[in-house]
C-alpha atoms as a PDB file:
ATOM      1  CA  MET A   1     -27.848   9.620  13.167  1.00  0.00           C
ATOM      2  CA  ARG A   2     -29.860  12.748  12.435  1.00  0.00           C
ATOM      3  CA  ALA A   3     -26.750  14.572  11.254  1.00  0.00           C
ATOM      4  CA  PHE A   4     -25.933  11.705   8.915  1.00  0.00           C
ATOM      5  CA  THR A   5     -29.464  11.978   7.534  1.00  0.00           C
ATOM      6  CA  PHE A   6     -28.790  15.631   6.745  1.00  0.00           C
ATOM      7  CA  ILE A   7     -25.578  14.694   4.953  1.00  0.00           C
ATOM      8  CA  THR A   8     -27.321  12.008   2.932  1.00  0.00           C
ATOM      9  CA  LEU A   9     -30.095  14.365   1.869  1.00  0.00           C
ATOM     10  CA  SER A  10     -27.597  17.051   0.997  1.00  0.00           C
ATOM     11  CA  PHE A  11     -25.542  14.668  -1.065  1.00  0.00           C
ATOM     12  CA  LEU A  12     -28.605  13.494  -2.922  1.00  0.00           C
ATOM     13  CA  CYS A  13     -28.963  17.133  -3.953  1.00  0.00           C
ATOM     14  CA  LEU A  14     -25.565  16.817  -5.594  1.00  0.00           C
ATOM     15  CA  ILE A  15     -26.764  13.729  -7.462  1.00  0.00           C
ATOM     16  CA  THR A  16     -29.772  15.562  -8.876  1.00  0.00           C
ATOM     17  CA  PHE A  17     -27.710  18.632  -9.699  1.00  0.00           C
ATOM     18  CA  GLY A  18     -27.175  17.388 -13.244  1.00  0.00           C
ATOM     19  CA  GLN A  19     -29.842  19.799 -14.432  1.00  0.00           C
ATOM     20  CA  ARG A  20     -28.623  22.256 -17.026  1.00  0.00           C
ATOM     21  CA  ALA A  21     -29.159  25.959 -16.392  1.00  0.00           C
ATOM     22  CA  LYS A  22     -27.940  28.572 -18.837  1.00  0.00           C
ATOM     23  CA  VAL A  23     -25.392  30.977 -17.374  1.00  0.00           C
ATOM     24  CA  LYS A  24     -23.446  33.986 -18.552  1.00  0.00           C
ATOM     25  CA  ALA A  25     -19.705  33.819 -19.039  1.00  0.00           C
ATOM     26  CA  GLY A  26     -16.640  36.015 -19.118  1.00  0.00           C
ATOM     27  CA  ASP A  27     -17.282  38.368 -16.199  1.00  0.00           C
ATOM     28  CA  SER A  28     -14.390  38.815 -13.748  1.00  0.00           C
ATOM     29  CA  ILE A  29     -16.827  39.210 -10.877  1.00  0.00           C
ATOM     30  CA  TYR A  30     -17.336  35.460 -11.053  1.00  0.00           C
ATOM     31  CA  ILE A  31     -13.695  34.872 -10.104  1.00  0.00           C
ATOM     32  CA  ASP A  32     -14.095  36.930  -6.947  1.00  0.00           C
ATOM     33  CA  SER A  33     -17.231  34.982  -6.074  1.00  0.00           C
ATOM     34  CA  ILE A  34     -15.455  31.646  -6.499  1.00  0.00           C
ATOM     35  CA  ARG A  35     -12.539  32.839  -4.366  1.00  0.00           C
ATOM     36  CA  ASN A  36     -14.910  33.769  -1.571  1.00  0.00           C
ATOM     37  CA  TYR A  37     -16.378  30.280  -1.675  1.00  0.00           C
ATOM     38  CA  GLU A  38     -12.884  28.796  -1.825  1.00  0.00           C
ATOM     39  CA  TYR A  39     -11.962  30.450   1.484  1.00  0.00           C
ATOM     40  CA  GLN A  40     -15.068  28.956   3.068  1.00  0.00           C
ATOM     41  CA  LEU A  41     -14.320  25.531   1.589  1.00  0.00           C
ATOM     42  CA  GLU A  42     -10.744  25.677   2.861  1.00  0.00           C
ATOM     43  CA  GLY A  43     -11.886  26.169   6.448  1.00  0.00           C
ATOM     44  CA  LEU A  44     -14.616  23.544   6.229  1.00  0.00           C
ATOM     45  CA  SER A  45     -12.295  20.955   4.687  1.00  0.00           C
ATOM     46  CA  TYR A  46      -9.785  21.536   7.488  1.00  0.00           C
ATOM     47  CA  ASN A  47     -12.477  20.884  10.081  1.00  0.00           C
ATOM     48  CA  ILE A  48     -13.629  17.720   8.315  1.00  0.00           C
ATOM     49  CA  ILE A  49     -10.160  16.226   8.635  1.00  0.00           C
ATOM     50  CA  ASN A  50      -8.797  17.721  11.842  1.00  0.00           C
ATOM     51  CA  SER A  51     -11.670  18.310  14.242  1.00  0.00           C
ATOM     52  CA  ARG A  52     -11.769  15.920  17.195  1.00  0.00           C
ATOM     53  CA  ASP A  53     -15.465  16.558  17.642  1.00  0.00           C
ATOM     54  CA  LYS A  54     -17.673  14.187  15.643  1.00  0.00           C
ATOM     55  CA  VAL A  55     -20.548  16.644  15.381  1.00  0.00           C
ATOM     56  CA  GLU A  56     -18.251  19.374  14.050  1.00  0.00           C
ATOM     57  CA  ARG A  57     -16.790  17.004  11.426  1.00  0.00           C
ATOM     58  CA  ILE A  58     -20.255  15.969  10.260  1.00  0.00           C
ATOM     59  CA  THR A  59     -21.609  19.516  10.264  1.00  0.00           C
ATOM     60  CA  SER A  60     -18.571  20.794   8.359  1.00  0.00           C
ATOM     61  CA  CYS A  61     -19.071  18.069   5.763  1.00  0.00           C
ATOM     62  CA  TYR A  62     -22.712  19.055   5.360  1.00  0.00           C
ATOM     63  CA  TYR A  63     -21.842  22.723   4.788  1.00  0.00           C
ATOM     64  CA  TYR A  64     -18.920  21.762   2.543  1.00  0.00           C
ATOM     65  CA  ILE A  65     -21.337  20.010   0.175  1.00  0.00           C
ATOM     66  CA  GLN A  66     -23.676  22.996   0.127  1.00  0.00           C
ATOM     67  CA  THR A  67     -20.836  25.475  -0.448  1.00  0.00           C
ATOM     68  CA  LEU A  68     -19.221  23.377  -3.169  1.00  0.00           C
ATOM     69  CA  LYS A  69     -22.517  23.265  -5.038  1.00  0.00           C
ATOM     70  CA  LYS A  70     -22.720  27.056  -4.911  1.00  0.00           C
ATOM     71  CA  ALA A  71     -19.116  27.496  -6.067  1.00  0.00           C
ATOM     72  CA  LEU A  72     -19.477  25.127  -9.007  1.00  0.00           C
ATOM     73  CA  SER A  73     -22.711  26.845 -10.057  1.00  0.00           C
ATOM     74  CA  ILE A  74     -20.718  29.965 -10.946  1.00  0.00           C
ATOM     75  CA  PRO A  75     -19.973  30.359 -14.684  1.00  0.00           C
ATOM     76  CA  ASN A  76     -16.579  29.063 -15.835  1.00  0.00           C
ATOM     77  CA  SER A  77     -15.937  27.432 -12.459  1.00  0.00           C
ATOM     78  CA  PHE A  78     -14.409  24.459 -14.274  1.00  0.00           C
ATOM     79  CA  ASP A  79     -11.352  26.586 -15.043  1.00  0.00           C
ATOM     80  CA  TYR A  80     -10.799  27.416 -11.376  1.00  0.00           C
ATOM     81  CA  ASP A  81      -8.368  25.078  -9.588  1.00  0.00           C
ATOM     82  CA  PHE A  82      -9.229  25.579  -5.880  1.00  0.00           C
ATOM     83  CA  LYS A  83      -5.510  25.306  -5.118  1.00  0.00           C
ATOM     84  CA  THR A  84      -5.760  26.339  -1.460  1.00  0.00           C
ATOM     85  CA  ILE A  85      -7.894  23.311  -0.538  1.00  0.00           C
ATOM     86  CA  LYS A  86      -5.312  20.676   0.386  1.00  0.00           C
ATOM     87  CA  THR A  87      -7.507  17.978   1.928  1.00  0.00           C
ATOM     88  CA  VAL A  88      -9.821  17.479  -1.052  1.00  0.00           C
ATOM     89  CA  SER A  89      -8.697  15.755  -4.243  1.00  0.00           C
ATOM     90  CA  ALA A  90      -9.650  17.507  -7.501  1.00  0.00           C
ATOM     91  CA  ILE A  91      -8.402  15.534 -10.510  1.00  0.00           C
ATOM     92  CA  ARG A  92      -9.045  16.465 -14.143  1.00  0.00           C
ATOM     93  CA  SER A  93      -9.301  13.928 -16.934  1.00  0.00           C
ATOM     94  CA  GLU A  94      -6.493  14.196 -19.462  1.00  0.00           C
ATOM     95  CA  ASP A  95      -8.933  15.183 -22.205  1.00  0.00           C
ATOM     96  CA  GLU A  96     -10.373  17.954 -19.968  1.00  0.00           C
ATOM     97  CA  LYS A  97     -13.860  16.497 -20.330  1.00  0.00           C
ATOM     98  CA  PHE A  98     -14.508  16.528 -16.571  1.00  0.00           C
ATOM     99  CA  ARG A  99     -12.931  16.661 -13.136  1.00  0.00           C
ATOM    100  CA  VAL A 100     -13.632  14.635 -10.022  1.00  0.00           C
ATOM    101  CA  PHE A 101     -13.719  15.996  -6.472  1.00  0.00           C
ATOM    102  CA  THR A 102     -13.320  13.422  -3.691  1.00  0.00           C
ATOM    103  CA  TRP A 103     -12.878  13.691   0.076  1.00  0.00           C
ATOM    104  CA  ASN A 104     -13.539  11.622   3.173  1.00  0.00           C
ATOM    105  CA  LEU A 105     -15.068  11.834   6.629  1.00  0.00           C
ATOM    106  CA  LEU A 106     -13.597   9.825   9.509  1.00  0.00           C
ATOM    107  CA  LEU A 107     -16.207   7.942  11.527  1.00  0.00           C
ATOM    108  CA  ASP A 108     -15.880   6.959  15.176  1.00  0.00           C
ATOM    109  CA  SER A 109     -15.572   3.322  14.087  1.00  0.00           C
ATOM    110  CA  GLY A 110     -12.252   4.106  12.412  1.00  0.00           C
ATOM    111  CA  LYS A 111     -13.754   3.724   8.933  1.00  0.00           C
ATOM    112  CA  TYR A 112     -14.057   6.498   6.386  1.00  0.00           C
ATOM    113  CA  MET A 113     -17.138   7.671   4.524  1.00  0.00           C
ATOM    114  CA  TYR A 114     -16.365   9.073   1.081  1.00  0.00           C
ATOM    115  CA  PHE A 115     -17.940  11.909  -0.858  1.00  0.00           C
ATOM    116  CA  GLY A 116     -17.400  13.103  -4.390  1.00  0.00           C
ATOM    117  CA  ALA A 117     -18.744  14.903  -7.425  1.00  0.00           C
ATOM    118  CA  ILE A 118     -18.057  14.807 -11.152  1.00  0.00           C
ATOM    119  CA  GLN A 119     -18.148  18.225 -12.792  1.00  0.00           C
ATOM    120  CA  MET A 120     -18.421  18.132 -16.579  1.00  0.00           C
ATOM    121  CA  ASN A 121     -16.585  20.749 -18.631  1.00  0.00           C
ATOM    122  CA  ASN A 122     -19.495  22.740 -20.020  1.00  0.00           C
ATOM    123  CA  PRO A 123     -19.032  26.547 -20.008  1.00  0.00           C
ATOM    124  CA  ASP A 124     -22.691  27.235 -20.777  1.00  0.00           C
ATOM    125  CA  SER A 125     -24.369  25.044 -18.176  1.00  0.00           C
ATOM    126  CA  LEU A 126     -23.690  23.144 -14.983  1.00  0.00           C
ATOM    127  CA  GLU A 127     -23.481  19.362 -15.172  1.00  0.00           C
ATOM    128  CA  LEU A 128     -22.694  17.912 -11.765  1.00  0.00           C
ATOM    129  CA  TYR A 129     -23.059  14.295 -10.687  1.00  0.00           C
ATOM    130  CA  GLY A 130     -22.774  13.406  -7.029  1.00  0.00           C
ATOM    131  CA  LEU A 131     -20.866  10.277  -6.028  1.00  0.00           C
ATOM    132  CA  TYR A 132     -22.500   8.358  -3.189  1.00  0.00           C
ATOM    133  CA  ASP A 133     -20.283   5.953  -1.252  1.00  0.00           C
ATOM    134  CA  SER A 134     -21.959   2.538  -1.329  1.00  0.00           C
ATOM    135  CA  SER A 135     -18.858   0.439  -0.635  1.00  0.00           C
ATOM    136  CA  ASP A 136     -20.460  -1.281   2.352  1.00  0.00           C
ATOM    137  CA  TYR A 137     -23.653  -2.106   0.459  1.00  0.00           C
ATOM    138  CA  ASN A 138     -22.587  -2.994  -3.072  1.00  0.00           C
ATOM    139  CA  ARG A 139     -22.693  -6.643  -3.997  1.00  0.00           C
ATOM    140  CA  ASP A 140     -20.246  -8.298  -6.354  1.00  0.00           C
ATOM    141  CA  VAL A 141     -17.696  -5.509  -5.964  1.00  0.00           C
ATOM    142  CA  ILE A 142     -15.125  -7.243  -8.187  1.00  0.00           C
ATOM    143  CA  TYR A 143     -17.386  -7.910 -11.160  1.00  0.00           C
ATOM    144  CA  GLY A 144     -20.258  -5.440 -10.717  1.00  0.00           C
ATOM    145  CA  GLN A 145     -21.065  -2.324 -12.704  1.00  0.00           C
ATOM    146  CA  PHE A 146     -22.321   0.632 -10.651  1.00  0.00           C
ATOM    147  CA  ASP A 147     -23.777   4.037 -11.403  1.00  0.00           C
ATOM    148  CA  HIS A 148     -22.704   7.199  -9.584  1.00  0.00           C
ATOM    149  CA  ARG A 149     -25.260   6.530  -6.849  1.00  0.00           C
ATOM    150  CA  HIS A 150     -23.476   3.269  -5.975  1.00  0.00           C
ATOM    151  CA  TRP A 151     -19.853   4.349  -6.212  1.00  0.00           C
ATOM    152  CA  MET A 152     -17.003   2.414  -4.584  1.00  0.00           C
ATOM    153  CA  GLY A 153     -15.863   5.305  -2.388  1.00  0.00           C
ATOM    154  CA  ALA A 154     -12.193   6.313  -2.456  1.00  0.00           C
ATOM    155  CA  LEU A 155      -9.901   9.328  -2.726  1.00  0.00           C
ATOM    156  CA  ILE A 156      -9.107   9.455  -6.434  1.00  0.00           C
ATOM    157  CA  TYR A 157      -5.502  10.520  -7.020  1.00  0.00           C
ATOM    158  CA  GLN A 158      -4.947   9.709 -10.715  1.00  0.00           C
ATOM    159  CA  ILE A 159      -7.050   9.327 -13.867  1.00  0.00           C
ATOM    160  CA  HIS A 160      -5.815   7.775 -17.119  1.00  0.00           C
ATOM    161  CA  HIS A 161      -7.840   8.391 -20.285  1.00  0.00           C
ATOM    162  CA  TYR A 162      -7.805   6.216 -23.384  1.00  0.00           C
ATOM    163  CA  THR A 163     -10.098   5.493 -26.329  1.00  0.00           C
ATOM    164  CA  TYR A 164     -11.040   2.082 -27.690  1.00  0.00           C
ATOM    165  CA  LYS A 165     -13.427   1.565 -30.597  1.00  0.00           C
ATOM    166  CA  LYS A 166     -14.455   5.231 -30.424  1.00  0.00           C
ATOM    167  CA  LYS A 167     -15.448   4.917 -26.761  1.00  0.00           C
ATOM    168  CA  ASP A 168     -13.744   6.916 -24.004  1.00  0.00           C
ATOM    169  CA  TYR A 169     -12.568   5.124 -20.878  1.00  0.00           C
ATOM    170  CA  TYR A 170     -11.072   6.623 -17.734  1.00  0.00           C
ATOM    171  CA  ILE A 171      -9.058   4.415 -15.393  1.00  0.00           C
ATOM    172  CA  THR A 172      -9.325   5.806 -11.859  1.00  0.00           C
ATOM    173  CA  PHE A 173      -6.838   5.111  -9.089  1.00  0.00           C
ATOM    174  CA  GLY A 174      -8.145   5.515  -5.557  1.00  0.00           C
ATOM    175  CA  TRP A 175      -7.139   5.099  -1.918  1.00  0.00           C
ATOM    176  CA  ASP A 176      -9.494   3.999   0.847  1.00  0.00           C
ATOM    177  CA  GLY A 177      -8.608   3.914   4.549  1.00  0.00           C
ATOM    178  CA  GLN A 178     -10.649   0.755   4.824  1.00  0.00           C
ATOM    179  CA  ASP A 179     -10.606   0.369   8.611  1.00  0.00           C
ATOM    180  CA  ALA A 180      -8.335   0.701  11.646  1.00  0.00           C
ATOM    181  CA  LYS A 181      -6.075  -2.129  10.426  1.00  0.00           C
ATOM    182  CA  THR A 182      -6.382  -2.163   6.644  1.00  0.00           C
ATOM    183  CA  ASN A 183      -5.940   0.233   3.742  1.00  0.00           C
ATOM    184  CA  ARG A 184      -7.343  -0.360   0.284  1.00  0.00           C
ATOM    185  CA  LYS A 185      -6.428   0.737  -3.228  1.00  0.00           C
ATOM    186  CA  ILE A 186      -8.851   0.452  -6.127  1.00  0.00           C
ATOM    187  CA  ILE A 187      -8.290   0.404  -9.881  1.00  0.00           C
ATOM    188  CA  ASP A 188     -11.665   1.161 -11.457  1.00  0.00           C
ATOM    189  CA  VAL A 189     -12.902   2.279 -14.867  1.00  0.00           C
ATOM    190  CA  LEU A 190     -15.234   5.227 -15.408  1.00  0.00           C
ATOM    191  CA  TRP A 191     -17.212   5.663 -18.623  1.00  0.00           C
ATOM    192  CA  PHE A 192     -20.331   7.477 -19.773  1.00  0.00           C
ATOM    193  CA  ASP A 193     -23.398   5.752 -21.186  1.00  0.00           C
ATOM    194  CA  GLU A 194     -25.434   6.863 -24.205  1.00  0.00           C
ATOM    195  CA  GLU A 195     -27.308   9.370 -22.053  1.00  0.00           C
ATOM    196  CA  GLY A 196     -24.060  10.832 -20.714  1.00  0.00           C
ATOM    197  CA  MET A 197     -24.467   9.340 -17.246  1.00  0.00           C
ATOM    198  CA  PRO A 198     -21.310   8.182 -15.410  1.00  0.00           C
ATOM    199  CA  GLN A 199     -20.859   4.445 -14.892  1.00  0.00           C
ATOM    200  CA  PHE A 200     -18.167   2.579 -12.959  1.00  0.00           C
ATOM    201  CA  GLY A 201     -16.829  -0.862 -13.786  1.00  0.00           C
ATOM    202  CA  GLU A 202     -16.519  -3.053 -16.853  1.00  0.00           C
ATOM    203  CA  GLU A 203     -14.909  -6.465 -17.270  1.00  0.00           C
ATOM    204  CA  ILE A 204     -11.734  -5.217 -18.942  1.00  0.00           C
ATOM    205  CA  PHE A 205      -9.126  -6.245 -16.350  1.00  0.00           C
ATOM    206  CA  ASP A 206      -7.582  -9.682 -16.921  1.00  0.00           C
ATOM    207  CA  PHE A 207      -6.090 -10.582 -13.559  1.00  0.00           C
ATOM    208  CA  ASP A 208      -4.437 -13.991 -13.921  1.00  0.00           C
ATOM    209  CA  GLY A 209      -7.080 -15.185 -16.370  1.00  0.00           C
ATOM    210  CA  ASP A 210     -10.022 -13.773 -14.422  1.00  0.00           C
ATOM    211  CA  LEU A 211     -11.878 -10.905 -16.124  1.00  0.00           C
ATOM    212  CA  GLN A 212     -12.831  -8.301 -13.512  1.00  0.00           C
ATOM    213  CA  SER A 213     -14.665  -4.974 -13.524  1.00  0.00           C
ATOM    214  CA  ARG A 214     -12.173  -3.478 -11.086  1.00  0.00           C
ATOM    215  CA  ILE A 215      -9.137  -4.540  -9.060  1.00  0.00           C
ATOM    216  CA  ILE A 216      -9.026  -4.137  -5.288  1.00  0.00           C
ATOM    217  CA  PHE A 217      -5.934  -4.456  -3.102  1.00  0.00           C
ATOM    218  CA  ASP A 218      -6.234  -4.656   0.702  1.00  0.00           C
ATOM    219  CA  PHE A 219      -3.107  -4.358   2.843  1.00  0.00           C
ATOM    220  CA  ASN A 220      -1.683  -3.329   6.211  1.00  0.00           C
ATOM    221  CA  ASP A 221      -2.605   0.240   7.148  1.00  0.00           C
ATOM    222  CA  ARG A 222       1.029   1.140   7.899  1.00  0.00           C
ATOM    223  CA  ALA A 223       2.314  -0.105   4.540  1.00  0.00           C
ATOM    224  CA  ALA A 224       2.757   2.067   1.446  1.00  0.00           C
ATOM    225  CA  MET A 225       1.689   0.472  -1.830  1.00  0.00           C
ATOM    226  CA  THR A 226       2.599   1.742  -5.293  1.00  0.00           C
ATOM    227  CA  MET A 227      -0.266   1.723  -7.800  1.00  0.00           C
ATOM    228  CA  ARG A 228      -0.373   4.132 -10.753  1.00  0.00           C
ATOM    229  CA  TYR A 229      -0.386   4.530 -14.505  1.00  0.00           C
ATOM    230  CA  ASP A 230       3.126   5.032 -15.891  1.00  0.00           C
ATOM    231  CA  LYS A 231       3.247   7.011 -19.146  1.00  0.00           C
ATOM    232  CA  ASN A 232       6.777   5.898 -19.976  1.00  0.00           C
ATOM    233  CA  GLU A 233       5.884   2.227 -19.639  1.00  0.00           C
ATOM    234  CA  GLU A 234       2.344   2.773 -21.020  1.00  0.00           C
ATOM    235  CA  ALA A 235       1.161   0.410 -18.323  1.00  0.00           C
ATOM    236  CA  ILE A 236      -0.507   0.262 -14.916  1.00  0.00           C
ATOM    237  CA  LEU A 237       2.201  -0.535 -12.369  1.00  0.00           C
ATOM    238  CA  PHE A 238       1.488  -1.958  -8.927  1.00  0.00           C
ATOM    239  CA  ALA A 239       3.400  -3.476  -6.039  1.00  0.00           C
ATOM    240  CA  ASN A 240       2.964  -7.146  -5.215  1.00  0.00           C
ATOM    241  CA  LEU A 241       1.402  -7.799  -1.816  1.00  0.00           C
ATOM    242  CA  VAL A 242       2.187 -10.843   0.304  1.00  0.00           C
ATOM    243  CA  PRO A 243       1.325 -11.893   3.882  1.00  0.00           C
ATOM    244  CA  ILE A 244       4.118 -11.390   6.394  1.00  0.00           C
ATOM    245  CA  ASN A 245       3.629 -15.033   7.383  1.00  0.00           C
ATOM    246  CA  PRO A 246       2.508 -17.883   5.073  1.00  0.00           C
ATOM    247  CA  MET A 247      -0.019 -18.851   7.744  1.00  0.00           C
ATOM    248  CA  MET A 248      -1.771 -15.470   7.291  1.00  0.00           C
ATOM    249  CA  VAL A 249      -3.029 -15.932   3.732  1.00  0.00           C
ATOM    250  CA  GLY A 250      -6.327 -14.082   3.345  1.00  0.00           C
ATOM    251  CA  MET A 251      -5.753 -11.960   6.480  1.00  0.00           C
ATOM    252  CA  TYR A 252      -5.195  -8.716   4.580  1.00  0.00           C
ATOM    253  CA  GLU A 253      -4.259  -6.619   7.598  1.00  0.00           C
ATOM    254  CA  ASN A 254      -1.007  -8.610   7.445  1.00  0.00           C
ATOM    255  CA  TYR A 255      -0.275  -8.024   3.748  1.00  0.00           C
ATOM    256  CA  VAL A 256       2.656  -5.796   2.756  1.00  0.00           C
ATOM    257  CA  PRO A 257       4.583  -5.080  -0.484  1.00  0.00           C
ATOM    258  CA  ASP A 258       7.387  -7.569  -1.101  1.00  0.00           C
ATOM    259  CA  GLY A 259       9.554  -5.140  -3.087  1.00  0.00           C
ATOM    260  CA  THR A 260       8.557  -6.446  -6.522  1.00  0.00           C
ATOM    261  CA  TYR A 261       6.217  -4.933  -9.096  1.00  0.00           C
ATOM    262  CA  ASP A 262       3.937  -6.196 -11.846  1.00  0.00           C
ATOM    263  CA  PHE A 263       1.936  -4.362 -14.484  1.00  0.00           C
ATOM    264  CA  LEU A 264      -1.239  -4.320 -16.557  1.00  0.00           C
ATOM    265  CA  LYS A 265      -0.777  -3.784 -20.298  1.00  0.00           C
ATOM    266  CA  PHE A 266      -3.594  -2.763 -22.660  1.00  0.00           C
ATOM    267  CA  GLU A 267      -4.151  -5.286 -25.467  1.00  0.00           C
ATOM    268  CA  LYS A 268      -7.202  -5.410 -27.751  1.00  0.00           C
ATOM    269  CA  GLY A 269      -9.572  -3.840 -25.256  1.00  0.00           C
ATOM    270  CA  ILE A 270      -8.287  -5.713 -22.188  1.00  0.00           C
ATOM    271  CA  TRP A 271      -5.797  -4.749 -19.481  1.00  0.00           C
ATOM    272  CA  ARG A 272      -3.733  -7.927 -18.977  1.00  0.00           C
ATOM    273  CA  ARG A 273      -1.504  -8.659 -16.006  1.00  0.00           C
ATOM    274  CA  TYR A 274       2.152  -9.423 -16.616  1.00  0.00           C
ATOM    275  CA  LYS A 275       4.986 -10.230 -14.273  1.00  0.00           C
ATOM    276  CA  MET A 276       7.786  -7.707 -14.451  1.00  0.00           C
ATOM    277  CA  ALA A 277      11.102  -9.315 -15.380  1.00  0.00           C
ATOM    278  CA  PHE A 278      13.664  -9.462 -12.585  1.00  0.00           C
ATOM    279  CA  ASP A 279      16.062  -7.044 -14.297  1.00  0.00           C
ATOM    280  CA  ASP A 280      13.250  -4.537 -14.830  1.00  0.00           C
ATOM    281  CA  ARG A 281      12.186  -4.846 -11.203  1.00  0.00           C
ATOM    282  CA  ARG A 282      15.702  -4.178  -9.985  1.00  0.00           C
ATOM    283  CA  LYS A 283      16.150  -1.248 -12.390  1.00  0.00           C
ATOM    284  CA  ASN A 284      12.843   0.442 -11.546  1.00  0.00           C
ATOM    285  CA  SER A 285      12.326  -0.366  -7.868  1.00  0.00           C
ATOM    286  CA  ASN A 286      13.866   2.824  -6.487  1.00  0.00           C
ATOM    287  CA  ASP A 287      11.822   5.053  -8.818  1.00  0.00           C
ATOM    288  CA  LEU A 288       8.591   3.181  -8.189  1.00  0.00           C
ATOM    289  CA  ARG A 289       8.773   3.630  -4.430  1.00  0.00           C
ATOM    290  CA  LYS A 290       8.201   7.363  -4.898  1.00  0.00           C
ATOM    291  CA  TYR A 291       4.543   6.863  -5.870  1.00  0.00           C
END
C-alpha cells in the first residue's frame, strides 16, 4: 500500500508538470542526455512487465515515472522517438501537436493499472499532462466527460485526428486487460478546452441510435478483436462480438468476434454506426484480421 502511495504521489507530479519553463535548443549534448535516460527507461520498463516480484514491479514503475519526467524535460525531446522501449506505447497525433505515452502495471489481482502522459509539441517549453487511471472510480463511463486526472486507463495504440467546425478532435483507440477473464477495447475522443487542457469524451458516437461519449467493448481475454481507424475506408472498423452461447448474453467473458465487421462513419459531427454489407465483409475479412 505504501509503495502504491509513492506511485500516486509521483504521478501527481506528472499532472502538475504542465508548467512552462524556458529552455535552450539545438545543442547535440541534449541528444546524448536523452539516450542515457532511454537506456534507464528501457531497463525499468522491462522490469515493470516481466518481474515476478510485486515490489520490484511497483518500484520500477515509480522510477520510470521519475526518469521519464527528466527525459522529457530536455529541450527538443519531442523529436526523440525512444525506439528501444518496446513495452511502452508512444503514439503521435497525425498533426504532430502532441504524443501520448501509455503503459501498464500488472497487479496481483490480475487487473492492470495504467499510466500515461501527454507531451505537447512545444520546442521552447515543456507541457506535460499526466494521465491518471480512474477506470474503477469513474461514474457514467459511457456518457461521461473526464479530464486527464480521471482518464479511462488503456494502452493507446492508434490516434486519428480530424477537424470539425474549426475544432480539433483526436479519436483514441486503446486496449485494457480488464481482468483475468476479460479484455476491453475503448474508442474515446480527446480534445483540448479553451485553456488548452486535455479532455476525454464527448457525445459524438451514435451507436444504434444512442449518443455516447465513448464506446467500450468487453470480450474474452483469449480472443483477438479488430478495432481501428481505416484510412482507405475513412471509417472506424470493428469486429462484432457475440456470446458463445445465447444463454450467456451480458456475460462478457464469453464474448468473441463472430467473423463480421461493422463501421462508424463521420457525418455532420457524429460518428454513426453502419452494418457492413455482406460482400464487403467477405472481401475485407482476411485483411481486417491483421489488426
